[in-house]
PDB file of N, CA and C in Angstrom:
ATOM      1  N   MET A   1      24.898 -58.073 -11.105  1.00  0.00           N
ATOM      2  CA  MET A   1      24.043 -59.082 -10.519  1.00  0.00           C
ATOM      3  C   MET A   1      23.680 -58.722  -9.074  1.00  0.00           C
ATOM      4  N   ARG A   2      24.691 -58.308  -8.315  1.00  0.00           N
ATOM      5  CA  ARG A   2      24.457 -58.001  -6.916  1.00  0.00           C
ATOM      6  C   ARG A   2      23.509 -56.809  -6.754  1.00  0.00           C
ATOM      7  N   GLY A   3      23.670 -55.797  -7.609  1.00  0.00           N
ATOM      8  CA  GLY A   3      22.799 -54.635  -7.566  1.00  0.00           C
ATOM      9  C   GLY A   3      21.352 -55.007  -7.818  1.00  0.00           C
ATOM     10  N   GLU A   4      21.142 -55.938  -8.737  1.00  0.00           N
ATOM     11  CA  GLU A   4      19.790 -56.391  -9.051  1.00  0.00           C
ATOM     12  C   GLU A   4      19.185 -57.122  -7.858  1.00  0.00           C
ATOM     13  N   PHE A   5      19.972 -57.965  -7.201  1.00  0.00           N
ATOM     14  CA  PHE A   5      19.498 -58.674  -6.017  1.00  0.00           C
ATOM     15  C   PHE A   5      19.122 -57.686  -4.911  1.00  0.00           C
ATOM     16  N   SER A   6      19.968 -56.710  -4.690  1.00  0.00           N
ATOM     17  CA  SER A   6      19.704 -55.699  -3.659  1.00  0.00           C
ATOM     18  C   SER A   6      18.428 -54.928  -3.968  1.00  0.00           C
ATOM     19  N   ARG A   7      18.258 -54.591  -5.232  1.00  0.00           N
ATOM     20  CA  ARG A   7      17.051 -53.879  -5.647  1.00  0.00           C
ATOM     21  C   ARG A   7      15.809 -54.736  -5.434  1.00  0.00           C
ATOM     22  N   ASP A   8      15.889 -56.010  -5.824  1.00  0.00           N
ATOM     23  CA  ASP A   8      14.755 -56.921  -5.639  1.00  0.00           C
ATOM     24  C   ASP A   8      14.426 -57.097  -4.158  1.00  0.00           C
ATOM     25  N   LEU A   9      15.458 -57.230  -3.342  1.00  0.00           N
ATOM     26  CA  LEU A   9      15.254 -57.383  -1.904  1.00  0.00           C
ATOM     27  C   LEU A   9      14.604 -56.137  -1.319  1.00  0.00           C
ATOM     28  N   ALA A  10      15.083 -54.977  -1.698  1.00  0.00           N
ATOM     29  CA  ALA A  10      14.515 -53.721  -1.200  1.00  0.00           C
ATOM     30  C   ALA A  10      13.061 -53.578  -1.637  1.00  0.00           C
ATOM     31  N   GLU A  11      12.764 -53.993  -2.862  1.00  0.00           N
ATOM     32  CA  GLU A  11      11.393 -53.927  -3.361  1.00  0.00           C
ATOM     33  C   GLU A  11      10.471 -54.851  -2.557  1.00  0.00           C
ATOM     34  N   LYS A  12      10.946 -56.056  -2.265  1.00  0.00           N
ATOM     35  CA  LYS A  12      10.152 -57.013  -1.462  1.00  0.00           C
ATOM     36  C   LYS A  12       9.937 -56.474  -0.054  1.00  0.00           C
ATOM     37  N   GLU A  13      10.979 -55.883   0.528  1.00  0.00           N
ATOM     38  CA  GLU A  13      10.835 -55.309   1.873  1.00  0.00           C
ATOM     39  C   GLU A  13       9.834 -54.163   1.859  1.00  0.00           C
ATOM     40  N   ASP A  14       9.893 -53.328   0.829  1.00  0.00           N
ATOM     41  CA  ASP A  14       8.947 -52.220   0.718  1.00  0.00           C
ATOM     42  C   ASP A  14       7.517 -52.747   0.601  1.00  0.00           C
ATOM     43  N   GLN A  15       7.326 -53.792  -0.209  1.00  0.00           N
ATOM     44  CA  GLN A  15       5.997 -54.397  -0.350  1.00  0.00           C
ATOM     45  C   GLN A  15       5.513 -54.958   0.982  1.00  0.00           C
ATOM     46  N   TYR A  16       6.423 -55.579   1.722  1.00  0.00           N
ATOM     47  CA  TYR A  16       6.074 -56.137   3.031  1.00  0.00           C
ATOM     48  C   TYR A  16       5.600 -55.022   3.968  1.00  0.00           C
ATOM     49  N   TYR A  17       6.364 -53.943   4.073  1.00  0.00           N
ATOM     50  CA  TYR A  17       5.980 -52.851   4.969  1.00  0.00           C
ATOM     51  C   TYR A  17       4.688 -52.193   4.521  1.00  0.00           C
ATOM     52  N   ARG A  18       4.520 -52.025   3.211  1.00  0.00           N
ATOM     53  CA  ARG A  18       3.269 -51.458   2.698  1.00  0.00           C
ATOM     54  C   ARG A  18       2.064 -52.314   3.078  1.00  0.00           C
ATOM     55  N   SER A  19       2.191 -53.629   2.907  1.00  0.00           N
ATOM     56  CA  SER A  19       1.061 -54.499   3.231  1.00  0.00           C
ATOM     57  C   SER A  19       0.787 -54.490   4.732  1.00  0.00           C
ATOM     58  N   ARG A  20       1.829 -54.457   5.550  1.00  0.00           N
ATOM     59  CA  ARG A  20       1.654 -54.367   7.005  1.00  0.00           C
ATOM     60  C   ARG A  20       0.935 -53.070   7.369  1.00  0.00           C
ATOM     61  N   MET A  21       1.358 -51.979   6.736  1.00  0.00           N
ATOM     62  CA  MET A  21       0.736 -50.685   7.026  1.00  0.00           C
ATOM     63  C   MET A  21      -0.733 -50.682   6.595  1.00  0.00           C
ATOM     64  N   GLN A  22      -1.033 -51.297   5.462  1.00  0.00           N
ATOM     65  CA  GLN A  22      -2.421 -51.367   5.007  1.00  0.00           C
ATOM     66  C   GLN A  22      -3.275 -52.207   5.953  1.00  0.00           C
ATOM     67  N   GLU A  23      -2.718 -53.309   6.450  1.00  0.00           N
ATOM     68  CA  GLU A  23      -3.436 -54.138   7.423  1.00  0.00           C
ATOM     69  C   GLU A  23      -3.723 -53.352   8.698  1.00  0.00           C
ATOM     70  N   ILE A  24      -2.721 -52.650   9.191  1.00  0.00           N
ATOM     71  CA  ILE A  24      -2.899 -51.867  10.415  1.00  0.00           C
ATOM     72  C   ILE A  24      -3.906 -50.751  10.181  1.00  0.00           C
ATOM     73  N   LEU A  25      -3.859 -50.118   9.004  1.00  0.00           N
ATOM     74  CA  LEU A  25      -4.810 -49.059   8.695  1.00  0.00           C
ATOM     75  C   LEU A  25      -6.240 -49.595   8.686  1.00  0.00           C
ATOM     76  N   LYS A  26      -6.446 -50.805   8.194  1.00  0.00           N
ATOM     77  CA  LYS A  26      -7.785 -51.420   8.241  1.00  0.00           C
ATOM     78  C   LYS A  26      -8.235 -51.612   9.679  1.00  0.00           C
ATOM     79  N   ARG A  27      -7.309 -52.042  10.535  1.00  0.00           N
ATOM     80  CA  ARG A  27      -7.649 -52.223  11.955  1.00  0.00           C
ATOM     81  C   ARG A  27      -7.948 -50.870  12.611  1.00  0.00           C
ATOM     82  N   ILE A  28      -7.190 -49.840  12.228  1.00  0.00           N
ATOM     83  CA  ILE A  28      -7.451 -48.495  12.746  1.00  0.00           C
ATOM     84  C   ILE A  28      -8.837 -48.039  12.314  1.00  0.00           C
ATOM     85  N   ASP A  29      -9.186 -48.287  11.049  1.00  0.00           N
ATOM     86  CA  ASP A  29     -10.516 -47.918  10.550  1.00  0.00           C
ATOM     87  C   ASP A  29     -11.617 -48.634  11.328  1.00  0.00           C
ATOM     88  N   SER A  30     -11.389 -49.898  11.658  1.00  0.00           N
ATOM     89  CA  SER A  30     -12.377 -50.668  12.419  1.00  0.00           C
ATOM     90  C   SER A  30     -12.583 -50.064  13.810  1.00  0.00           C
ATOM     91  N   VAL A  31     -11.492 -49.723  14.471  1.00  0.00           N
ATOM     92  CA  VAL A  31     -11.598 -49.106  15.803  1.00  0.00           C
ATOM     93  C   VAL A  31     -12.242 -47.724  15.689  1.00  0.00           C
ATOM     94  N   SER A  32     -11.910 -46.978  14.641  1.00  0.00           N
ATOM     95  CA  SER A  32     -12.527 -45.656  14.429  1.00  0.00           C
ATOM     96  C   SER A  32     -14.039 -45.791  14.264  1.00  0.00           C
ATOM     97  N   ASP A  33     -14.470 -46.809  13.521  1.00  0.00           N
ATOM     98  CA  ASP A  33     -15.905 -47.041  13.345  1.00  0.00           C
ATOM     99  C   ASP A  33     -16.569 -47.334  14.688  1.00  0.00           C
ATOM    100  N   ARG A  34     -15.904 -48.159  15.506  1.00  0.00           N
ATOM    101  CA  ARG A  34     -16.457 -48.444  16.845  1.00  0.00           C
ATOM    102  C   ARG A  34     -16.530 -47.172  17.677  1.00  0.00           C
ATOM    103  N   LEU A  35     -15.491 -46.331  17.584  1.00  0.00           N
ATOM    104  CA  LEU A  35     -15.484 -45.076  18.330  1.00  0.00           C
ATOM    105  C   LEU A  35     -16.588 -44.139  17.849  1.00  0.00           C
ATOM    106  N   ALA A  36     -16.883 -44.178  16.561  1.00  0.00           N
ATOM    107  CA  ALA A  36     -17.953 -43.335  16.020  1.00  0.00           C
ATOM    108  C   ALA A  36     -19.314 -43.743  16.591  1.00  0.00           C
ATOM    109  N   ARG A  37     -19.472 -45.031  16.846  1.00  0.00           N
ATOM    110  CA  ARG A  37     -20.729 -45.530  17.409  1.00  0.00           C
ATOM    111  C   ARG A  37     -20.786 -45.384  18.926  1.00  0.00           C
ATOM    112  N   ASN A  38     -19.646 -45.627  19.593  1.00  0.00           N
ATOM    113  CA  ASN A  38     -19.623 -45.605  21.059  1.00  0.00           C
ATOM    114  C   ASN A  38     -18.245 -45.163  21.527  1.00  0.00           C
ATOM    115  N   LEU A  39     -18.149 -43.925  21.907  1.00  0.00           N
ATOM    116  CA  LEU A  39     -16.884 -43.348  22.342  1.00  0.00           C
ATOM    117  C   LEU A  39     -16.525 -43.874  23.730  1.00  0.00           C
ATOM    118  N   ASN A  40     -15.379 -44.584  23.819  1.00  0.00           N
ATOM    119  CA  ASN A  40     -14.951 -45.098  25.124  1.00  0.00           C
ATOM    120  C   ASN A  40     -13.431 -45.134  25.194  1.00  0.00           C
ATOM    121  N   LEU A  41     -12.936 -45.101  26.425  1.00  0.00           N
ATOM    122  CA  LEU A  41     -11.504 -45.018  26.654  1.00  0.00           C
ATOM    123  C   LEU A  41     -10.767 -46.265  26.175  1.00  0.00           C
ATOM    124  N   GLU A  42     -11.360 -47.425  26.332  1.00  0.00           N
ATOM    125  CA  GLU A  42     -10.711 -48.676  25.914  1.00  0.00           C
ATOM    126  C   GLU A  42     -10.400 -48.665  24.417  1.00  0.00           C
ATOM    127  N   ASP A  43     -11.375 -48.253  23.610  1.00  0.00           N
ATOM    128  CA  ASP A  43     -11.147 -48.191  22.165  1.00  0.00           C
ATOM    129  C   ASP A  43     -10.165 -47.073  21.800  1.00  0.00           C
ATOM    130  N   LEU A  44     -10.195 -45.974  22.547  1.00  0.00           N
ATOM    131  CA  LEU A  44      -9.219 -44.912  22.286  1.00  0.00           C
ATOM    132  C   LEU A  44      -7.797 -45.400  22.544  1.00  0.00           C
ATOM    133  N   ILE A  45      -7.614 -46.181  23.585  1.00  0.00           N
ATOM    134  CA  ILE A  45      -6.289 -46.727  23.882  1.00  0.00           C
ATOM    135  C   ILE A  45      -5.875 -47.721  22.794  1.00  0.00           C
ATOM    136  N   SER A  46      -6.813 -48.560  22.353  1.00  0.00           N
ATOM    137  CA  SER A  46      -6.524 -49.480  21.237  1.00  0.00           C
ATOM    138  C   SER A  46      -6.145 -48.698  19.990  1.00  0.00           C
ATOM    139  N   TYR A  47      -6.871 -47.618  19.743  1.00  0.00           N
ATOM    140  CA  TYR A  47      -6.599 -46.761  18.594  1.00  0.00           C
ATOM    141  C   TYR A  47      -5.177 -46.214  18.676  1.00  0.00           C
ATOM    142  N   LYS A  48      -4.813 -45.711  19.837  1.00  0.00           N
ATOM    143  CA  LYS A  48      -3.468 -45.146  20.020  1.00  0.00           C
ATOM    144  C   LYS A  48      -2.399 -46.203  19.762  1.00  0.00           C
ATOM    145  N   LYS A  49      -2.598 -47.408  20.281  1.00  0.00           N
ATOM    146  CA  LYS A  49      -1.611 -48.478  20.088  1.00  0.00           C
ATOM    147  C   LYS A  49      -1.488 -48.852  18.617  1.00  0.00           C
ATOM    148  N   LEU A  50      -2.597 -48.905  17.917  1.00  0.00           N
ATOM    149  CA  LEU A  50      -2.559 -49.218  16.489  1.00  0.00           C
ATOM    150  C   LEU A  50      -1.846 -48.121  15.696  1.00  0.00           C
ATOM    151  N   VAL A  51      -2.108 -46.874  16.057  1.00  0.00           N
ATOM    152  CA  VAL A  51      -1.428 -45.771  15.382  1.00  0.00           C
ATOM    153  C   VAL A  51       0.074 -45.869  15.625  1.00  0.00           C
ATOM    154  N   GLN A  52       0.461 -46.191  16.849  1.00  0.00           N
ATOM    155  CA  GLN A  52       1.887 -46.347  17.148  1.00  0.00           C
ATOM    156  C   GLN A  52       2.498 -47.486  16.327  1.00  0.00           C
ATOM    157  N   SER A  53       1.767 -48.581  16.173  1.00  0.00           N
ATOM    158  CA  SER A  53       2.253 -49.688  15.332  1.00  0.00           C
ATOM    159  C   SER A  53       2.416 -49.246  13.885  1.00  0.00           C
ATOM    160  N   PHE A  54       1.449 -48.499  13.406  1.00  0.00           N
ATOM    161  CA  PHE A  54       1.507 -47.986  12.039  1.00  0.00           C
ATOM    162  C   PHE A  54       2.738 -47.105  11.861  1.00  0.00           C
ATOM    163  N   LEU A  55       2.966 -46.213  12.816  1.00  0.00           N
ATOM    164  CA  LEU A  55       4.103 -45.299  12.724  1.00  0.00           C
ATOM    165  C   LEU A  55       5.424 -46.056  12.783  1.00  0.00           C
ATOM    166  N   LYS A  56       5.465 -47.114  13.560  1.00  0.00           N
ATOM    167  CA  LYS A  56       6.676 -47.933  13.635  1.00  0.00           C
ATOM    168  C   LYS A  56       6.977 -48.542  12.264  1.00  0.00           C
ATOM    169  N   GLU A  57       5.951 -49.086  11.619  1.00  0.00           N
ATOM    170  CA  GLU A  57       6.127 -49.651  10.281  1.00  0.00           C
ATOM    171  C   GLU A  57       6.516 -48.569   9.275  1.00  0.00           C
ATOM    172  N   ALA A  58       5.882 -47.392   9.394  1.00  0.00           N
ATOM    173  CA  ALA A  58       6.169 -46.300   8.453  1.00  0.00           C
ATOM    174  C   ALA A  58       7.605 -45.824   8.592  1.00  0.00           C
ATOM    175  N   THR A  59       8.085 -45.721   9.806  1.00  0.00           N
ATOM    176  CA  THR A  59       9.464 -45.257   9.981  1.00  0.00           C
ATOM    177  C   THR A  59      10.459 -46.321   9.523  1.00  0.00           C
ATOM    178  N   ALA A  60      10.142 -47.588   9.736  1.00  0.00           N
ATOM    179  CA  ALA A  60      11.014 -48.664   9.241  1.00  0.00           C
ATOM    180  C   ALA A  60      11.052 -48.629   7.716  1.00  0.00           C
ATOM    181  N   ARG A  61       9.904 -48.422   7.109  1.00  0.00           N
ATOM    182  CA  ARG A  61       9.833 -48.336   5.644  1.00  0.00           C
ATOM    183  C   ARG A  61      10.579 -47.107   5.151  1.00  0.00           C
ATOM    184  N   ALA A  62      10.439 -45.994   5.837  1.00  0.00           N
ATOM    185  CA  ALA A  62      11.140 -44.777   5.435  1.00  0.00           C
ATOM    186  C   ALA A  62      12.644 -44.980   5.513  1.00  0.00           C
ATOM    187  N   TYR A  63      13.092 -45.714   6.517  1.00  0.00           N
ATOM    188  CA  TYR A  63      14.517 -45.991   6.650  1.00  0.00           C
ATOM    189  C   TYR A  63      15.000 -46.805   5.448  1.00  0.00           C
ATOM    190  N   LEU A  64      14.210 -47.799   5.049  1.00  0.00           N
ATOM    191  CA  LEU A  64      14.577 -48.598   3.875  1.00  0.00           C
ATOM    192  C   LEU A  64      14.616 -47.736   2.620  1.00  0.00           C
ATOM    193  N   VAL A  65      13.619 -46.896   2.465  1.00  0.00           N
ATOM    194  CA  VAL A  65      13.566 -46.028   1.293  1.00  0.00           C
ATOM    195  C   VAL A  65      14.766 -45.085   1.297  1.00  0.00           C
ATOM    196  N   ASN A  66      15.105 -44.563   2.475  1.00  0.00           N
ATOM    197  CA  ASN A  66      16.269 -43.677   2.572  1.00  0.00           C
ATOM    198  C   ASN A  66      17.533 -44.413   2.170  1.00  0.00           C
ATOM    199  N   GLN A  67      17.678 -45.644   2.620  1.00  0.00           N
ATOM    200  CA  GLN A  67      18.860 -46.421   2.270  1.00  0.00           C
ATOM    201  C   GLN A  67      18.906 -46.690   0.766  1.00  0.00           C
ATOM    202  N   GLU A  68      17.783 -47.080   0.217  1.00  0.00           N
ATOM    203  CA  GLU A  68      17.734 -47.481  -1.189  1.00  0.00           C
ATOM    204  C   GLU A  68      17.904 -46.288  -2.128  1.00  0.00           C
ATOM    205  N   ARG A  69      17.225 -45.206  -1.824  1.00  0.00           N
ATOM    206  CA  ARG A  69      17.195 -44.095  -2.765  1.00  0.00           C
ATOM    207  C   ARG A  69      18.044 -42.907  -2.341  1.00  0.00           C
ATOM    208  N   SER A  70      18.668 -43.001  -1.201  1.00  0.00           N
ATOM    209  CA  SER A  70      19.511 -41.914  -0.680  1.00  0.00           C
ATOM    210  C   SER A  70      18.770 -40.589  -0.689  1.00  0.00           C
ATOM    211  N   PHE A  71      17.658 -40.530   0.018  1.00  0.00           N
ATOM    212  CA  PHE A  71      16.884 -39.297   0.115  1.00  0.00           C
ATOM    213  C   PHE A  71      17.722 -38.178   0.719  1.00  0.00           C
ATOM    214  N   THR A  72      17.307 -36.988   0.437  1.00  0.00           N
ATOM    215  CA  THR A  72      17.957 -35.842   1.055  1.00  0.00           C
ATOM    216  C   THR A  72      17.552 -35.782   2.515  1.00  0.00           C
ATOM    217  N   ARG A  73      18.251 -34.980   3.257  1.00  0.00           N
ATOM    218  CA  ARG A  73      17.895 -34.810   4.672  1.00  0.00           C
ATOM    219  C   ARG A  73      16.477 -34.292   4.814  1.00  0.00           C
ATOM    220  N   ARG A  74      16.067 -33.464   3.909  1.00  0.00           N
ATOM    221  CA  ARG A  74      14.730 -32.889   3.989  1.00  0.00           C
ATOM    222  C   ARG A  74      13.648 -33.969   3.892  1.00  0.00           C
ATOM    223  N   GLY A  75      13.834 -34.968   3.024  1.00  0.00           N
ATOM    224  CA  GLY A  75      12.858 -36.058   2.900  1.00  0.00           C
ATOM    225  C   GLY A  75      12.724 -36.821   4.197  1.00  0.00           C
ATOM    226  N   ALA A  76      13.828 -37.139   4.828  1.00  0.00           N
ATOM    227  CA  ALA A  76      13.792 -37.850   6.103  1.00  0.00           C
ATOM    228  C   ALA A  76      13.160 -36.973   7.172  1.00  0.00           C
ATOM    229  N   ARG A  77      13.451 -35.704   7.149  1.00  0.00           N
ATOM    230  CA  ARG A  77      12.894 -34.780   8.142  1.00  0.00           C
ATOM    231  C   ARG A  77      11.376 -34.694   8.016  1.00  0.00           C
ATOM    232  N   SER A  78      10.856 -34.718   6.797  1.00  0.00           N
ATOM    233  CA  SER A  78       9.405 -34.600   6.635  1.00  0.00           C
ATOM    234  C   SER A  78       8.686 -35.798   7.247  1.00  0.00           C
ATOM    235  N   ILE A  79       9.289 -36.979   7.194  1.00  0.00           N
ATOM    236  CA  ILE A  79       8.700 -38.154   7.840  1.00  0.00           C
ATOM    237  C   ILE A  79       8.649 -37.929   9.348  1.00  0.00           C
ATOM    238  N   LEU A  80       9.734 -37.438   9.922  1.00  0.00           N
ATOM    239  CA  LEU A  80       9.775 -37.191  11.364  1.00  0.00           C
ATOM    240  C   LEU A  80       8.744 -36.158  11.781  1.00  0.00           C
ATOM    241  N   VAL A  81       8.608 -35.092  11.008  1.00  0.00           N
ATOM    242  CA  VAL A  81       7.639 -34.055  11.330  1.00  0.00           C
ATOM    243  C   VAL A  81       6.229 -34.631  11.281  1.00  0.00           C
ATOM    244  N   THR A  82       5.930 -35.443  10.278  1.00  0.00           N
ATOM    245  CA  THR A  82       4.606 -36.054  10.167  1.00  0.00           C
ATOM    246  C   THR A  82       4.343 -36.995  11.336  1.00  0.00           C
ATOM    247  N   VAL A  83       5.322 -37.792  11.715  1.00  0.00           N
ATOM    248  CA  VAL A  83       5.166 -38.703  12.844  1.00  0.00           C
ATOM    249  C   VAL A  83       4.908 -37.911  14.126  1.00  0.00           C
ATOM    250  N   GLU A  84       5.662 -36.841  14.326  1.00  0.00           N
ATOM    251  CA  GLU A  84       5.452 -36.002  15.515  1.00  0.00           C
ATOM    252  C   GLU A  84       4.063 -35.380  15.502  1.00  0.00           C
ATOM    253  N   LYS A  85       3.614 -34.943  14.332  1.00  0.00           N
ATOM    254  CA  LYS A  85       2.289 -34.331  14.218  1.00  0.00           C
ATOM    255  C   LYS A  85       1.199 -35.353  14.557  1.00  0.00           C
ATOM    256  N   ILE A  86       1.346 -36.573  14.059  1.00  0.00           N
ATOM    257  CA  ILE A  86       0.361 -37.619  14.342  1.00  0.00           C
ATOM    258  C   ILE A  86       0.355 -37.941  15.838  1.00  0.00           C
ATOM    259  N   ASN A  87       1.534 -38.094  16.432  1.00  0.00           N
ATOM    260  CA  ASN A  87       1.608 -38.357  17.875  1.00  0.00           C
ATOM    261  C   ASN A  87       0.912 -37.257  18.664  1.00  0.00           C
ATOM    262  N   HIS A  88       1.141 -36.022  18.272  1.00  0.00           N
ATOM    263  CA  HIS A  88       0.519 -34.881  18.954  1.00  0.00           C
ATOM    264  C   HIS A  88      -1.002 -34.932  18.819  1.00  0.00           C
ATOM    265  N   GLU A  89      -1.488 -35.223  17.618  1.00  0.00           N
ATOM    266  CA  GLU A  89      -2.934 -35.295  17.385  1.00  0.00           C
ATOM    267  C   GLU A  89      -3.579 -36.404  18.225  1.00  0.00           C
ATOM    268  N   VAL A  90      -2.914 -37.561  18.313  1.00  0.00           N
ATOM    269  CA  VAL A  90      -3.463 -38.671  19.103  1.00  0.00           C
ATOM    270  C   VAL A  90      -3.492 -38.295  20.585  1.00  0.00           C
ATOM    271  N   GLU A  91      -2.422 -37.679  21.070  1.00  0.00           N
ATOM    272  CA  GLU A  91      -2.393 -37.249  22.473  1.00  0.00           C
ATOM    273  C   GLU A  91      -3.492 -36.226  22.756  1.00  0.00           C
ATOM    274  N   ASP A  92      -3.667 -35.267  21.853  1.00  0.00           N
ATOM    275  CA  ASP A  92      -4.737 -34.276  22.017  1.00  0.00           C
ATOM    276  C   ASP A  92      -6.107 -34.948  22.032  1.00  0.00           C
ATOM    277  N   LEU A  93      -6.288 -35.921  21.174  1.00  0.00           N
ATOM    278  CA  LEU A  93      -7.548 -36.652  21.100  1.00  0.00           C
ATOM    279  C   LEU A  93      -7.855 -37.323  22.436  1.00  0.00           C
ATOM    280  N   ILE A  94      -6.886 -38.028  22.972  1.00  0.00           N
ATOM    281  CA  ILE A  94      -7.093 -38.743  24.233  1.00  0.00           C
ATOM    282  C   ILE A  94      -7.268 -37.758  25.391  1.00  0.00           C
ATOM    283  N   ASN A  95      -6.447 -36.721  25.421  1.00  0.00           N
ATOM    284  CA  ASN A  95      -6.589 -35.719  26.488  1.00  0.00           C
ATOM    285  C   ASN A  95      -7.949 -35.032  26.432  1.00  0.00           C
ATOM    286  N   GLY A  96      -8.398 -34.701  25.241  1.00  0.00           N
ATOM    287  CA  GLY A  96      -9.711 -34.081  25.085  1.00  0.00           C
ATOM    288  C   GLY A  96     -10.827 -34.985  25.560  1.00  0.00           C
ATOM    289  N   PHE A  97     -10.690 -36.272  25.300  1.00  0.00           N
ATOM    290  CA  PHE A  97     -11.709 -37.224  25.736  1.00  0.00           C
ATOM    291  C   PHE A  97     -11.696 -37.372  27.258  1.00  0.00           C
ATOM    292  N   THR A  98     -10.512 -37.549  27.834  1.00  0.00           N
ATOM    293  CA  THR A  98     -10.435 -37.808  29.280  1.00  0.00           C
ATOM    294  C   THR A  98     -10.820 -36.592  30.109  1.00  0.00           C
ATOM    295  N   THR A  99     -10.615 -35.399  29.573  1.00  0.00           N
ATOM    296  CA  THR A  99     -11.006 -34.194  30.318  1.00  0.00           C
ATOM    297  C   THR A  99     -12.391 -33.700  29.914  1.00  0.00           C
ATOM    298  N   ARG A 100     -13.025 -34.427  28.997  1.00  0.00           N
ATOM    299  CA  ARG A 100     -14.371 -34.094  28.513  1.00  0.00           C
ATOM    300  C   ARG A 100     -14.444 -32.728  27.834  1.00  0.00           C
ATOM    301  N   ARG A 101     -13.302 -32.281  27.271  1.00  0.00           N
ATOM    302  CA  ARG A 101     -13.294 -30.990  26.570  1.00  0.00           C
ATOM    303  C   ARG A 101     -13.893 -31.098  25.178  1.00  0.00           C
ATOM    304  N   ASN A 102     -13.725 -32.222  24.538  1.00  0.00           N
ATOM    305  CA  ASN A 102     -14.159 -32.370  23.144  1.00  0.00           C
ATOM    306  C   ASN A 102     -15.526 -33.025  23.066  1.00  0.00           C
ATOM    307  N   ASP A 103     -16.354 -32.501  22.174  1.00  0.00           N
ATOM    308  CA  ASP A 103     -17.612 -33.186  21.926  1.00  0.00           C
ATOM    309  C   ASP A 103     -17.359 -34.273  20.879  1.00  0.00           C
ATOM    310  N   PRO A 104     -18.298 -35.183  20.731  1.00  0.00           N
ATOM    311  CA  PRO A 104     -18.088 -36.299  19.787  1.00  0.00           C
ATOM    312  C   PRO A 104     -17.767 -35.869  18.364  1.00  0.00           C
ATOM    313  N   VAL A 105     -18.327 -34.759  17.903  1.00  0.00           N
ATOM    314  CA  VAL A 105     -18.050 -34.297  16.541  1.00  0.00           C
ATOM    315  C   VAL A 105     -16.577 -33.899  16.404  1.00  0.00           C
ATOM    316  N   GLN A 106     -16.022 -33.232  17.421  1.00  0.00           N
ATOM    317  CA  GLN A 106     -14.610 -32.857  17.392  1.00  0.00           C
ATOM    318  C   GLN A 106     -13.724 -34.099  17.391  1.00  0.00           C
ATOM    319  N   ILE A 107     -14.107 -35.097  18.156  1.00  0.00           N
ATOM    320  CA  ILE A 107     -13.322 -36.334  18.230  1.00  0.00           C
ATOM    321  C   ILE A 107     -13.342 -37.047  16.888  1.00  0.00           C
ATOM    322  N   LEU A 108     -14.511 -37.120  16.262  1.00  0.00           N
ATOM    323  CA  LEU A 108     -14.605 -37.760  14.950  1.00  0.00           C
ATOM    324  C   LEU A 108     -13.792 -36.986  13.906  1.00  0.00           C
ATOM    325  N   ALA A 109     -13.802 -35.668  14.001  1.00  0.00           N
ATOM    326  CA  ALA A 109     -12.994 -34.856  13.079  1.00  0.00           C
ATOM    327  C   ALA A 109     -11.504 -35.136  13.297  1.00  0.00           C
ATOM    328  N   ALA A 110     -11.106 -35.292  14.557  1.00  0.00           N
ATOM    329  CA  ALA A 110      -9.701 -35.601  14.856  1.00  0.00           C
ATOM    330  C   ALA A 110      -9.324 -36.971  14.306  1.00  0.00           C
ATOM    331  N   LEU A 111     -10.223 -37.947  14.420  1.00  0.00           N
ATOM    332  CA  LEU A 111      -9.962 -39.283  13.872  1.00  0.00           C
ATOM    333  C   LEU A 111      -9.757 -39.208  12.361  1.00  0.00           C
ATOM    334  N   ASP A 112     -10.589 -38.417  11.693  1.00  0.00           N
ATOM    335  CA  ASP A 112     -10.452 -38.254  10.232  1.00  0.00           C
ATOM    336  C   ASP A 112      -9.133 -37.578   9.880  1.00  0.00           C
ATOM    337  N   LYS A 113      -8.757 -36.567  10.646  1.00  0.00           N
ATOM    338  CA  LYS A 113      -7.506 -35.859  10.391  1.00  0.00           C
ATOM    339  C   LYS A 113      -6.306 -36.791  10.552  1.00  0.00           C
ATOM    340  N   ILE A 114      -6.320 -37.591  11.622  1.00  0.00           N
ATOM    341  CA  ILE A 114      -5.233 -38.534  11.870  1.00  0.00           C
ATOM    342  C   ILE A 114      -5.166 -39.560  10.753  1.00  0.00           C
ATOM    343  N   ARG A 115      -6.317 -40.058  10.321  1.00  0.00           N
ATOM    344  CA  ARG A 115      -6.331 -41.039   9.230  1.00  0.00           C
ATOM    345  C   ARG A 115      -5.712 -40.448   7.966  1.00  0.00           C
ATOM    346  N   GLY A 116      -6.040 -39.200   7.677  1.00  0.00           N
ATOM    347  CA  GLY A 116      -5.465 -38.541   6.504  1.00  0.00           C
ATOM    348  C   GLY A 116      -3.944 -38.464   6.586  1.00  0.00           C
ATOM    349  N   LEU A 117      -3.430 -38.156   7.762  1.00  0.00           N
ATOM    350  CA  LEU A 117      -1.978 -38.094   7.946  1.00  0.00           C
ATOM    351  C   LEU A 117      -1.345 -39.478   7.784  1.00  0.00           C
ATOM    352  N   LEU A 118      -2.046 -40.504   8.273  1.00  0.00           N
ATOM    353  CA  LEU A 118      -1.524 -41.875   8.131  1.00  0.00           C
ATOM    354  C   LEU A 118      -1.490 -42.294   6.664  1.00  0.00           C
ATOM    355  N   VAL A 119      -2.538 -41.965   5.938  1.00  0.00           N
ATOM    356  CA  VAL A 119      -2.590 -42.290   4.512  1.00  0.00           C
ATOM    357  C   VAL A 119      -1.467 -41.576   3.766  1.00  0.00           C
ATOM    358  N   ASP A 120      -1.172 -40.334   4.169  1.00  0.00           N
ATOM    359  CA  ASP A 120      -0.054 -39.614   3.552  1.00  0.00           C
ATOM    360  C   ASP A 120       1.260 -40.371   3.740  1.00  0.00           C
ATOM    361  N   LEU A 121       1.450 -40.959   4.920  1.00  0.00           N
ATOM    362  CA  LEU A 121       2.666 -41.729   5.153  1.00  0.00           C
ATOM    363  C   LEU A 121       2.708 -42.998   4.318  1.00  0.00           C
ATOM    364  N   LEU A 122       1.555 -43.559   4.048  1.00  0.00           N
ATOM    365  CA  LEU A 122       1.472 -44.786   3.267  1.00  0.00           C
ATOM    366  C   LEU A 122       1.859 -44.546   1.813  1.00  0.00           C
ATOM    367  N   ALA A 123       1.584 -43.346   1.337  1.00  0.00           N
ATOM    368  CA  ALA A 123       1.856 -43.013  -0.070  1.00  0.00           C
ATOM    369  C   ALA A 123       3.327 -42.980  -0.393  1.00  0.00           C
TER     370      ALA A 123
END
């Protein structure tokens, strides 16, 4: 009985984190659309904060999954590597914008790349 309750609770928590991540991803998409129309520092900062929120939810969810399914060290490590890669991409995006090194096409490509990495974490 207790095992079933624990499983049900873990499933509900996973659903909660998934829905939170999907909501944040929609907000990220909205900010990305605004950035595609008008590239500005304010929206880039909002984008960065939303990505950080997404990563926070993803790591919390990964921790739950690790607890529930006892992933190998390698599974947990891949989440960390992906999070580090996303953080690096966001920092590069902002640095490129503030130093005017990147043209708008490069920035839009970076936004698409980051979104792809976020979707990978959602899966």
